Amino acid sequence: MQILDAHKRVVCNIVWEVYKKAVLSRPAVPGKNCDYLDTEGNALARFDSKRLVLHRDLPEPMRTLIVASPVAFDLEDGA
């Protein structure tokens, strides 16, 4: 998953933990935790279920998009 800015440029990549690995005909089940990585693979932030931790100061619009993303995750899940 990626976060894009208004110009459709990649701001960062989101890598979700796997809760359950794929087995035979059942697909993998994504976990509730994820890491935010810049385009070079460096850690920017971590989301642990309900808590977002930024690893360093981030420039705009990256900061706002990352901080707002957990709200989008909840809306996507039907919260």
PDB file of N, CA and C in Angstrom:
ATOM      1  N   MET A   1       0.851  -1.153   0.000  1.00  0.00           N
ATOM      2  CA  MET A   1       0.000   0.000   0.000  1.00  0.00           C
ATOM      3  C   MET A   1       0.910   1.232   0.000  1.00  0.00           C
ATOM      4  N   GLN A   2       0.434   2.285  -0.628  1.00  0.00           N
ATOM      5  CA  GLN A   2       1.213   3.520  -0.696  1.00  0.00           C
ATOM      6  C   GLN A   2       0.337   4.712  -0.356  1.00  0.00           C
ATOM      7  N   ILE A   3       0.967   5.763   0.155  1.00  0.00           N
ATOM      8  CA  ILE A   3       0.297   7.045   0.344  1.00  0.00           C
ATOM      9  C   ILE A   3       0.832   7.966  -0.740  1.00  0.00           C
ATOM     10  N   LEU A   4      -0.103   8.600  -1.464  1.00  0.00           N
ATOM     11  CA  LEU A   4       0.249   9.507  -2.557  1.00  0.00           C
ATOM     12  C   LEU A   4      -0.121  10.934  -2.188  1.00  0.00           C
ATOM     13  N   ASP A   5       0.632  11.902  -2.698  1.00  0.00           N
ATOM     14  CA  ASP A   5       0.277  13.299  -2.482  1.00  0.00           C
ATOM     15  C   ASP A   5      -0.723  13.735  -3.550  1.00  0.00           C
ATOM     16  N   ALA A   6      -1.074  15.017  -3.552  1.00  0.00           N
ATOM     17  CA  ALA A   6      -2.069  15.539  -4.494  1.00  0.00           C
ATOM     18  C   ALA A   6      -1.640  15.411  -5.946  1.00  0.00           C
ATOM     19  N   HIS A   7      -0.339  15.269  -6.183  1.00  0.00           N
ATOM     20  CA  HIS A   7       0.182  15.130  -7.545  1.00  0.00           C
ATOM     21  C   HIS A   7       0.433  13.668  -7.915  1.00  0.00           C
ATOM     22  N   LYS A   8      -0.091  12.754  -7.094  1.00  0.00           N
ATOM     23  CA  LYS A   8       0.020  11.300  -7.307  1.00  0.00           C
ATOM     24  C   LYS A   8       1.460  10.796  -7.207  1.00  0.00           C
ATOM     25  N   ARG A   9       2.284  11.516  -6.440  1.00  0.00           N
ATOM     26  CA  ARG A   9       3.648  11.064  -6.172  1.00  0.00           C
ATOM     27  C   ARG A   9       3.636  10.253  -4.883  1.00  0.00           C
ATOM     28  N   VAL A  10       4.438   9.211  -4.845  1.00  0.00           N
ATOM     29  CA  VAL A  10       4.505   8.367  -3.649  1.00  0.00           C
ATOM     30  C   VAL A  10       5.146   9.147  -2.514  1.00  0.00           C
ATOM     31  N   VAL A  11       4.419   9.257  -1.407  1.00  0.00           N
ATOM     32  CA  VAL A  11       4.919   9.916  -0.205  1.00  0.00           C
ATOM     33  C   VAL A  11       5.625   8.885   0.665  1.00  0.00           C
ATOM     34  N   CYS A  12       4.989   7.715   0.815  1.00  0.00           N
ATOM     35  CA  CYS A  12       5.610   6.634   1.572  1.00  0.00           C
ATOM     36  C   CYS A  12       4.902   5.323   1.268  1.00  0.00           C
ATOM     37  N   ASN A  13       5.533   4.243   1.677  1.00  0.00           N
ATOM     38  CA  ASN A  13       4.973   2.904   1.535  1.00  0.00           C
ATOM     39  C   ASN A  13       4.504   2.427   2.900  1.00  0.00           C
ATOM     40  N   ILE A  14       3.402   1.682   2.914  1.00  0.00           N
ATOM     41  CA  ILE A  14       2.887   1.106   4.151  1.00  0.00           C
ATOM     42  C   ILE A  14       3.024  -0.402   4.038  1.00  0.00           C
ATOM     43  N   VAL A  15       3.700  -0.993   5.005  1.00  0.00           N
ATOM     44  CA  VAL A  15       3.917  -2.439   5.016  1.00  0.00           C
ATOM     45  C   VAL A  15       3.176  -3.015   6.220  1.00  0.00           C
ATOM     46  N   TRP A  16       2.139  -3.800   5.943  1.00  0.00           N
ATOM     47  CA  TRP A  16       1.326  -4.407   7.004  1.00  0.00           C
ATOM     48  C   TRP A  16       1.945  -5.718   7.469  1.00  0.00           C
ATOM     49  N   GLU A  17       1.874  -5.949   8.771  1.00  0.00           N
ATOM     50  CA  GLU A  17       2.290  -7.241   9.311  1.00  0.00           C
ATOM     51  C   GLU A  17       1.253  -8.285   8.906  1.00  0.00           C
ATOM     52  N   VAL A  18       1.693  -9.517   8.813  1.00  0.00           N
ATOM     53  CA  VAL A  18       0.778 -10.611   8.491  1.00  0.00           C
ATOM     54  C   VAL A  18       0.361 -11.267   9.791  1.00  0.00           C
ATOM     55  N   TYR A  19      -0.958 -11.347  10.028  1.00  0.00           N
ATOM     56  CA  TYR A  19      -1.493 -11.964  11.233  1.00  0.00           C
ATOM     57  C   TYR A  19      -1.460 -13.488  11.098  1.00  0.00           C
ATOM     58  N   LYS A  20      -1.934 -13.958   9.960  1.00  0.00           N
ATOM     59  CA  LYS A  20      -1.905 -15.392   9.664  1.00  0.00           C
ATOM     60  C   LYS A  20      -1.353 -15.570   8.259  1.00  0.00           C
ATOM     61  N   LYS A  21      -0.401 -16.463   8.112  1.00  0.00           N
ATOM     62  CA  LYS A  21       0.185 -16.729   6.799  1.00  0.00           C
ATOM     63  C   LYS A  21      -0.791 -17.511   5.928  1.00  0.00           C
ATOM     64  N   ALA A  22      -0.603 -17.387   4.634  1.00  0.00           N
ATOM     65  CA  ALA A  22      -1.439 -18.128   3.690  1.00  0.00           C
ATOM     66  C   ALA A  22      -1.180 -19.619   3.859  1.00  0.00           C
ATOM     67  N   VAL A  23      -2.269 -20.388   3.867  1.00  0.00           N
ATOM     68  CA  VAL A  23      -2.170 -21.843   3.992  1.00  0.00           C
ATOM     69  C   VAL A  23      -3.075 -22.468   2.938  1.00  0.00           C
ATOM     70  N   LEU A  24      -2.493 -23.291   2.096  1.00  0.00           N
ATOM     71  CA  LEU A  24      -3.217 -23.976   1.025  1.00  0.00           C
ATOM     72  C   LEU A  24      -4.135 -23.014   0.286  1.00  0.00           C
ATOM     73  N   SER A  25      -5.442 -23.152   0.448  1.00  0.00           N
ATOM     74  CA  SER A  25      -6.363 -22.321  -0.332  1.00  0.00           C
ATOM     75  C   SER A  25      -6.791 -21.053   0.410  1.00  0.00           C
ATOM     76  N   ARG A  26      -6.332 -20.861   1.642  1.00  0.00           N
ATOM     77  CA  ARG A  26      -6.708 -19.666   2.394  1.00  0.00           C
ATOM     78  C   ARG A  26      -5.645 -18.585   2.250  1.00  0.00           C
ATOM     79  N   PRO A  27      -6.082 -17.359   1.910  1.00  0.00           N
ATOM     80  CA  PRO A  27      -5.107 -16.265   1.752  1.00  0.00           C
ATOM     81  C   PRO A  27      -4.593 -15.787   3.106  1.00  0.00           C
ATOM     82  N   ALA A  28      -3.515 -15.041   3.089  1.00  0.00           N
ATOM     83  CA  ALA A  28      -2.965 -14.465   4.307  1.00  0.00           C
ATOM     84  C   ALA A  28      -3.958 -13.452   4.887  1.00  0.00           C
ATOM     85  N   VAL A  29      -3.956 -13.336   6.201  1.00  0.00           N
ATOM     86  CA  VAL A  29      -4.815 -12.371   6.887  1.00  0.00           C
ATOM     87  C   VAL A  29      -3.920 -11.235   7.380  1.00  0.00           C
ATOM     88  N   PRO A  30      -4.188 -10.013   6.931  1.00  0.00           N
ATOM     89  CA  PRO A  30      -3.332  -8.904   7.368  1.00  0.00           C
ATOM     90  C   PRO A  30      -3.526  -8.608   8.847  1.00  0.00           C
ATOM     91  N   GLY A  31      -2.461  -8.160   9.482  1.00  0.00           N
ATOM     92  CA  GLY A  31      -2.534  -7.779  10.884  1.00  0.00           C
ATOM     93  C   GLY A  31      -3.037  -6.360  11.037  1.00  0.00           C
ATOM     94  N   LYS A  32      -3.039  -5.877  12.269  1.00  0.00           N
ATOM     95  CA  LYS A  32      -3.508  -4.521  12.544  1.00  0.00           C
ATOM     96  C   LYS A  32      -2.355  -3.542  12.707  1.00  0.00           C
ATOM     97  N   ASN A  33      -1.135  -4.018  12.578  1.00  0.00           N
ATOM     98  CA  ASN A  33       0.041  -3.175  12.747  1.00  0.00           C
ATOM     99  C   ASN A  33       0.728  -2.974  11.407  1.00  0.00           C
ATOM    100  N   CYS A  34       1.324  -1.785  11.232  1.00  0.00           N
ATOM    101  CA  CYS A  34       2.040  -1.533   9.988  1.00  0.00           C
ATOM    102  C   CYS A  34       3.198  -0.568  10.224  1.00  0.00           C
ATOM    103  N   ASP A  35       4.119  -0.591   9.294  1.00  0.00           N
ATOM    104  CA  ASP A  35       5.260   0.318   9.292  1.00  0.00           C
ATOM    105  C   ASP A  35       5.146   1.228   8.083  1.00  0.00           C
ATOM    106  N   TYR A  36       5.527   2.478   8.280  1.00  0.00           N
ATOM    107  CA  TYR A  36       5.571   3.457   7.197  1.00  0.00           C
ATOM    108  C   TYR A  36       7.034   3.619   6.819  1.00  0.00           C
ATOM    109  N   LEU A  37       7.327   3.436   5.551  1.00  0.00           N
ATOM    110  CA  LEU A  37       8.700   3.514   5.058  1.00  0.00           C
ATOM    111  C   LEU A  37       8.784   4.554   3.950  1.00  0.00           C
ATOM    112  N   ASP A  38       9.895   5.292   3.909  1.00  0.00           N
ATOM    113  CA  ASP A  38      10.061   6.221   2.799  1.00  0.00           C
ATOM    114  C   ASP A  38      10.383   5.419   1.537  1.00  0.00           C
ATOM    115  N   THR A  39      10.551   6.101   0.435  1.00  0.00           N
ATOM    116  CA  THR A  39      10.758   5.403  -0.841  1.00  0.00           C
ATOM    117  C   THR A  39      12.097   4.672  -0.908  1.00  0.00           C
ATOM    118  N   GLU A  40      12.976   4.943   0.072  1.00  0.00           N
ATOM    119  CA  GLU A  40      14.264   4.246   0.134  1.00  0.00           C
ATOM    120  C   GLU A  40      14.260   3.121   1.166  1.00  0.00           C
ATOM    121  N   GLY A  41      13.102   2.912   1.825  1.00  0.00           N
ATOM    122  CA  GLY A  41      12.984   1.835   2.799  1.00  0.00           C
ATOM    123  C   GLY A  41      13.307   2.208   4.233  1.00  0.00           C
ATOM    124  N   ASN A  42      13.523   3.491   4.512  1.00  0.00           N
ATOM    125  CA  ASN A  42      13.818   3.936   5.875  1.00  0.00           C
ATOM    126  C   ASN A  42      12.529   4.100   6.671  1.00  0.00           C
ATOM    127  N   ALA A  43      12.558   3.701   7.947  1.00  0.00           N
ATOM    128  CA  ALA A  43      11.372   3.779   8.804  1.00  0.00           C
ATOM    129  C   ALA A  43      11.002   5.228   9.102  1.00  0.00           C
ATOM    130  N   LEU A  44       9.710   5.529   8.938  1.00  0.00           N
ATOM    131  CA  LEU A  44       9.187   6.863   9.229  1.00  0.00           C
ATOM    132  C   LEU A  44       8.284   6.844  10.454  1.00  0.00           C
ATOM    133  N   ALA A  45       7.452   5.792  10.546  1.00  0.00           N
ATOM    134  CA  ALA A  45       6.469   5.702  11.621  1.00  0.00           C
ATOM    135  C   ALA A  45       6.011   4.264  11.768  1.00  0.00           C
ATOM    136  N   ARG A  46       5.290   4.021  12.871  1.00  0.00           N
ATOM    137  CA  ARG A  46       4.732   2.688  13.135  1.00  0.00           C
ATOM    138  C   ARG A  46       3.334   2.874  13.698  1.00  0.00           C
ATOM    139  N   PHE A  47       2.403   2.078  13.184  1.00  0.00           N
ATOM    140  CA  PHE A  47       1.024   2.079  13.675  1.00  0.00           C
ATOM    141  C   PHE A  47       0.773   0.744  14.355  1.00  0.00           C
ATOM    142  N   ASP A  48       0.508   0.779  15.668  1.00  0.00           N
ATOM    143  CA  ASP A  48       0.204  -0.420  16.453  1.00  0.00           C
ATOM    144  C   ASP A  48      -1.263  -0.396  16.833  1.00  0.00           C
ATOM    145  N   SER A  49      -2.092  -0.943  15.993  1.00  0.00           N
ATOM    146  CA  SER A  49      -3.530  -1.035  16.243  1.00  0.00           C
ATOM    147  C   SER A  49      -4.212   0.312  16.420  1.00  0.00           C
ATOM    148  N   LYS A  50      -3.939   0.977  17.503  1.00  0.00           N
ATOM    149  CA  LYS A  50      -4.619   2.237  17.817  1.00  0.00           C
ATOM    150  C   LYS A  50      -3.661   3.390  18.078  1.00  0.00           C
ATOM    151  N   ARG A  51      -2.359   3.153  17.945  1.00  0.00           N
ATOM    152  CA  ARG A  51      -1.385   4.189  18.296  1.00  0.00           C
ATOM    153  C   ARG A  51      -0.396   4.386  17.150  1.00  0.00           C
ATOM    154  N   LEU A  52      -0.203   5.631  16.758  1.00  0.00           N
ATOM    155  CA  LEU A  52       0.748   5.970  15.707  1.00  0.00           C
ATOM    156  C   LEU A  52       1.957   6.640  16.342  1.00  0.00           C
ATOM    157  N   VAL A  53       3.148   6.126  16.050  1.00  0.00           N
ATOM    158  CA  VAL A  53       4.385   6.684  16.583  1.00  0.00           C
ATOM    159  C   VAL A  53       5.248   7.137  15.412  1.00  0.00           C
ATOM    160  N   LEU A  54       5.536   8.439  15.366  1.00  0.00           N
ATOM    161  CA  LEU A  54       6.428   8.971  14.339  1.00  0.00           C
ATOM    162  C   LEU A  54       7.862   8.817  14.826  1.00  0.00           C
ATOM    163  N   HIS A  55       8.750   8.327  13.970  1.00  0.00           N
ATOM    164  CA  HIS A  55      10.132   8.093  14.362  1.00  0.00           C
ATOM    165  C   HIS A  55      11.007   9.336  14.262  1.00  0.00           C
ATOM    166  N   ARG A  56      10.526  10.356  13.564  1.00  0.00           N
ATOM    167  CA  ARG A  56      11.289  11.600  13.416  1.00  0.00           C
ATOM    168  C   ARG A  56      10.359  12.691  12.901  1.00  0.00           C
ATOM    169  N   ASP A  57      10.846  13.930  12.884  1.00  0.00           N
ATOM    170  CA  ASP A  57      10.066  15.015  12.295  1.00  0.00           C
ATOM    171  C   ASP A  57       9.917  14.747  10.808  1.00  0.00           C
ATOM    172  N   LEU A  58       8.724  14.966  10.303  1.00  0.00           N
ATOM    173  CA  LEU A  58       8.453  14.707   8.890  1.00  0.00           C
ATOM    174  C   LEU A  58       8.004  15.984   8.203  1.00  0.00           C
ATOM    175  N   PRO A  59       8.415  16.172   6.950  1.00  0.00           N
ATOM    176  CA  PRO A  59       7.982  17.360   6.202  1.00  0.00           C
ATOM    177  C   PRO A  59       6.519  17.224   5.770  1.00  0.00           C
ATOM    178  N   GLU A  60       5.913  18.359   5.507  1.00  0.00           N
ATOM    179  CA  GLU A  60       4.564  18.355   4.937  1.00  0.00           C
ATOM    180  C   GLU A  60       4.656  18.109   3.444  1.00  0.00           C
ATOM    181  N   PRO A  61       3.734  17.448   2.793  1.00  0.00           N
ATOM    182  CA  PRO A  61       2.479  16.935   3.312  1.00  0.00           C
ATOM    183  C   PRO A  61       2.606  15.535   3.923  1.00  0.00           C
ATOM    184  N   MET A  62       3.824  14.971   3.938  1.00  0.00           N
ATOM    185  CA  MET A  62       4.012  13.609   4.441  1.00  0.00           C
ATOM    186  C   MET A  62       3.467  13.450   5.857  1.00  0.00           C
ATOM    187  N   ARG A  63       3.770  14.392   6.734  1.00  0.00           N
ATOM    188  CA  ARG A  63       3.334  14.293   8.132  1.00  0.00           C
ATOM    189  C   ARG A  63       1.813  14.219   8.230  1.00  0.00           C
ATOM    190  N   THR A  64       1.126  15.145   7.579  1.00  0.00           N
ATOM    191  CA  THR A  64      -0.330  15.176   7.641  1.00  0.00           C
ATOM    192  C   THR A  64      -0.943  13.912   7.058  1.00  0.00           C
ATOM    193  N   LEU A  65      -0.431  13.441   5.942  1.00  0.00           N
ATOM    194  CA  LEU A  65      -0.977  12.239   5.314  1.00  0.00           C
ATOM    195  C   LEU A  65      -0.776  11.007   6.195  1.00  0.00           C
ATOM    196  N   ILE A  66       0.379  10.894   6.825  1.00  0.00           N
ATOM    197  CA  ILE A  66       0.633   9.746   7.701  1.00  0.00           C
ATOM    198  C   ILE A  66      -0.242   9.833   8.952  1.00  0.00           C
ATOM    199  N   VAL A  67      -0.333  11.017   9.551  1.00  0.00           N
ATOM    200  CA  VAL A  67      -1.143  11.173  10.759  1.00  0.00           C
ATOM    201  C   VAL A  67      -2.619  10.904  10.472  1.00  0.00           C
ATOM    202  N   ALA A  68      -3.100  11.269   9.291  1.00  0.00           N
ATOM    203  CA  ALA A  68      -4.506  11.058   8.939  1.00  0.00           C
ATOM    204  C   ALA A  68      -4.810   9.629   8.504  1.00  0.00           C
ATOM    205  N   SER A  69      -3.807   8.868   8.135  1.00  0.00           N
ATOM    206  CA  SER A  69      -4.055   7.536   7.572  1.00  0.00           C
ATOM    207  C   SER A  69      -4.770   6.565   8.511  1.00  0.00           C
ATOM    208  N   PRO A  70      -4.510   6.542   9.838  1.00  0.00           N
ATOM    209  CA  PRO A  70      -5.275   5.629  10.689  1.00  0.00           C
ATOM    210  C   PRO A  70      -6.787   5.901  10.654  1.00  0.00           C
ATOM    211  N   VAL A  71      -7.176   7.153  10.471  1.00  0.00           N
ATOM    212  CA  VAL A  71      -8.600   7.473  10.345  1.00  0.00           C
ATOM    213  C   VAL A  71      -9.143   6.821   9.077  1.00  0.00           C
ATOM    214  N   ALA A  72      -8.378   6.897   7.998  1.00  0.00           N
ATOM    215  CA  ALA A  72      -8.790   6.260   6.741  1.00  0.00           C
ATOM    216  C   ALA A  72      -8.890   4.753   6.897  1.00  0.00           C
ATOM    217  N   PHE A  73      -7.967   4.145   7.655  1.00  0.00           N
ATOM    218  CA  PHE A  73      -8.027   2.691   7.887  1.00  0.00           C
ATOM    219  C   PHE A  73      -9.324   2.326   8.600  1.00  0.00           C
ATOM    220  N   ASP A  74      -9.705   3.108   9.627  1.00  0.00           N
ATOM    221  CA  ASP A  74     -10.949   2.844  10.363  1.00  0.00           C
ATOM    222  C   ASP A  74     -12.156   2.993   9.456  1.00  0.00           C
ATOM    223  N   LEU A  75     -12.172   4.029   8.633  1.00  0.00           N
ATOM    224  CA  LEU A  75     -13.301   4.230   7.720  1.00  0.00           C
ATOM    225  C   LEU A  75     -13.400   3.088   6.716  1.00  0.00           C
ATOM    226  N   GLU A  76     -12.259   2.613   6.257  1.00  0.00           N
ATOM    227  CA  GLU A  76     -12.245   1.506   5.297  1.00  0.00           C
ATOM    228  C   GLU A  76     -12.805   0.227   5.921  1.00  0.00           C
ATOM    229  N   ASP A  77     -12.568   0.044   7.227  1.00  0.00           N
ATOM    230  CA  ASP A  77     -13.056  -1.140   7.936  1.00  0.00           C
ATOM    231  C   ASP A  77     -14.522  -1.003   8.342  1.00  0.00           C
ATOM    232  N   GLY A  78     -15.118   0.133   8.045  1.00  0.00           N
ATOM    233  CA  GLY A  78     -16.527   0.329   8.365  1.00  0.00           C
ATOM    234  C   GLY A  78     -16.786   0.892   9.746  1.00  0.00           C
ATOM    235  N   ALA A  79     -15.783   1.496  10.338  1.00  0.00           N
ATOM    236  CA  ALA A  79     -15.958   2.060  11.702  1.00  0.00           C
ATOM    237  C   ALA A  79     -16.827   3.292  11.682  1.00  0.00           C
TER     238      ALA A  79
END
